Amino acid sequence: MVTVEHEFTERAKVLLEEARRRAAAAQIRERDAHVDRLERRVKKLVQSLEETEAALKQIAAMKNIDLGIASLYKVVQGLPMEEANRALKQELMTVIFHANVDLQKRLQEKA
């Protein structure tokens, strides 16, 4: 004969087991979401690293690197990386820029 106490205990065990399963499932979902976030971060960091490496390779291949105003001027001109005569045009822009700077200095000295 099943007593009320026994039924209550069995029902409590079932509810406790369900609660444990739900808690475990919630932990797994939370862990999976965390892993997904970390994987996205890693992908972004890898992409950023690849872009930085490409930029460093380009800089290493350049001659007469000017980290001052001239380099800013080159960026402002917006020469596409795939431009066929990019290096020649970049060198020409640098020469023009330096000539302009020299001209400005001379004008300031005369003023």
Protein backbone atom coordinates (compact mmCIF):
# COMPACT_ATOMS: atom_id res chain seq x y z
CA MET A 1 0.00 0.00 0.00
CA VAL A 2 1.32 3.40 -1.09
CA THR A 3 1.21 6.01 1.58
CA VAL A 4 0.84 9.73 1.14
CA GLU A 5 4.34 10.14 2.51
CA HIS A 6 5.74 7.79 -0.11
CA GLU A 7 3.86 9.54 -2.93
CA PHE A 8 5.03 12.91 -1.69
CA THR A 9 8.64 11.72 -1.52
CA GLU A 10 8.51 10.24 -5.02
CA ARG A 11 6.97 13.41 -6.42
CA ALA A 12 9.63 15.51 -4.68
CA LYS A 13 12.36 13.31 -6.20
CA VAL A 14 10.88 13.78 -9.68
CA LEU A 15 10.64 17.56 -9.25
CA LEU A 16 14.19 17.71 -7.92
CA GLU A 17 15.51 15.71 -10.87
CA GLU A 18 13.66 17.96 -13.33
CA ALA A 19 15.12 21.02 -11.62
CA ARG A 20 18.62 19.52 -11.87
CA ARG A 21 18.15 18.77 -15.58
CA ARG A 22 16.91 22.32 -16.26
CA ALA A 23 19.85 23.80 -14.33
CA ALA A 24 22.33 21.62 -16.20
CA ALA A 25 20.73 22.54 -19.55
CA ALA A 26 20.89 26.24 -18.63
CA GLN A 27 24.58 25.89 -17.75
CA ILE A 28 25.27 24.18 -21.06
CA ARG A 29 23.42 26.92 -22.99
CA GLU A 30 25.32 29.62 -21.10
CA ARG A 31 28.65 27.89 -21.74
CA ASP A 32 27.82 27.45 -25.44
CA ALA A 33 26.89 31.13 -25.73
CA HIS A 34 30.17 32.09 -24.05
CA VAL A 35 32.12 29.86 -26.44
CA ASP A 36 30.29 31.42 -29.41
CA ARG A 37 31.19 34.92 -28.19
CA LEU A 38 34.82 33.93 -27.75
CA GLU A 39 34.94 32.35 -31.22
CA ARG A 40 33.56 35.55 -32.75
CA ARG A 41 36.16 37.59 -30.90
CA VAL A 42 38.93 35.29 -32.10
CA LYS A 43 37.71 35.62 -35.70
CA LYS A 44 37.72 39.42 -35.40
CA LEU A 45 41.19 39.38 -33.87
CA VAL A 46 42.51 37.06 -36.58
CA GLN A 47 41.05 39.33 -39.27
CA SER A 48 42.55 42.39 -37.58
CA LEU A 49 45.91 40.65 -37.32
CA GLU A 50 45.84 39.69 -41.00
CA GLU A 51 45.01 43.28 -41.98
CA THR A 52 47.81 44.59 -39.77
CA GLU A 53 50.29 42.11 -41.20
CA ALA A 54 49.32 43.12 -44.73
CA ALA A 55 49.76 46.79 -43.86
CA LEU A 56 53.15 46.07 -42.27
CA LYS A 57 54.27 44.14 -45.35
CA GLN A 58 53.23 47.07 -47.52
CA ILE A 59 55.08 49.53 -45.30
CA ALA A 60 58.19 47.34 -45.30
CA ALA A 61 58.13 47.26 -49.10
CA MET A 62 57.93 51.05 -49.39
CA LYS A 63 60.97 53.25 -49.91
CA ASN A 64 61.65 56.44 -48.00
CA ILE A 65 58.89 56.01 -45.45
CA ASP A 66 57.89 59.36 -43.99
CA LEU A 67 55.86 59.01 -40.82
CA GLY A 68 55.07 62.71 -40.68
CA ILE A 69 52.76 64.91 -42.69
CA ALA A 70 53.72 63.28 -45.99
CA SER A 71 52.42 59.90 -44.91
CA LEU A 72 49.16 61.53 -43.87
CA TYR A 73 49.03 63.18 -47.28
CA LYS A 74 49.43 59.79 -48.97
CA VAL A 75 46.52 58.39 -47.02
CA VAL A 76 44.32 61.39 -47.80
CA GLN A 77 44.94 60.95 -51.51
CA GLY A 78 43.30 57.53 -51.22
CA LEU A 79 45.25 55.54 -53.76
CA PRO A 80 43.63 52.10 -53.96
CA MET A 81 45.92 49.24 -52.97
CA GLU A 82 45.18 47.47 -56.26
CA GLU A 83 46.11 50.50 -58.41
CA ALA A 84 48.45 49.32 -61.17
CA ASN A 85 50.90 52.24 -60.91
CA ARG A 86 50.36 52.80 -57.20
CA ALA A 87 54.04 52.93 -56.22
CA LEU A 88 54.89 55.36 -59.02
CA LYS A 89 51.90 57.59 -58.23
CA GLN A 90 52.69 57.47 -54.54
CA GLU A 91 56.28 58.50 -55.18
CA LEU A 92 55.09 61.32 -57.44
CA MET A 93 52.65 62.54 -54.79
CA THR A 94 55.46 62.50 -52.22
CA VAL A 95 57.70 64.61 -54.46
CA ILE A 96 54.85 67.06 -55.08
CA PHE A 97 54.06 67.22 -51.40
CA HIS A 98 57.67 67.91 -50.42
CA ALA A 99 57.89 70.59 -53.11
CA ASN A 100 54.76 72.24 -51.69
CA VAL A 101 56.16 72.11 -48.16
CA ASP A 102 59.43 73.60 -49.37
CA LEU A 103 57.54 76.35 -51.22
CA GLN A 104 55.49 77.15 -48.11
CA LYS A 105 58.67 77.41 -46.02
CA ARG A 106 60.23 79.80 -48.53
CA LEU A 107 57.10 81.95 -48.58
CA GLN A 108 57.04 82.07 -44.79
CA GLU A 109 60.71 83.04 -44.66
CA LYS A 110 60.13 85.93 -47.06
CA ALA A 111 57.11 87.18 -45.14
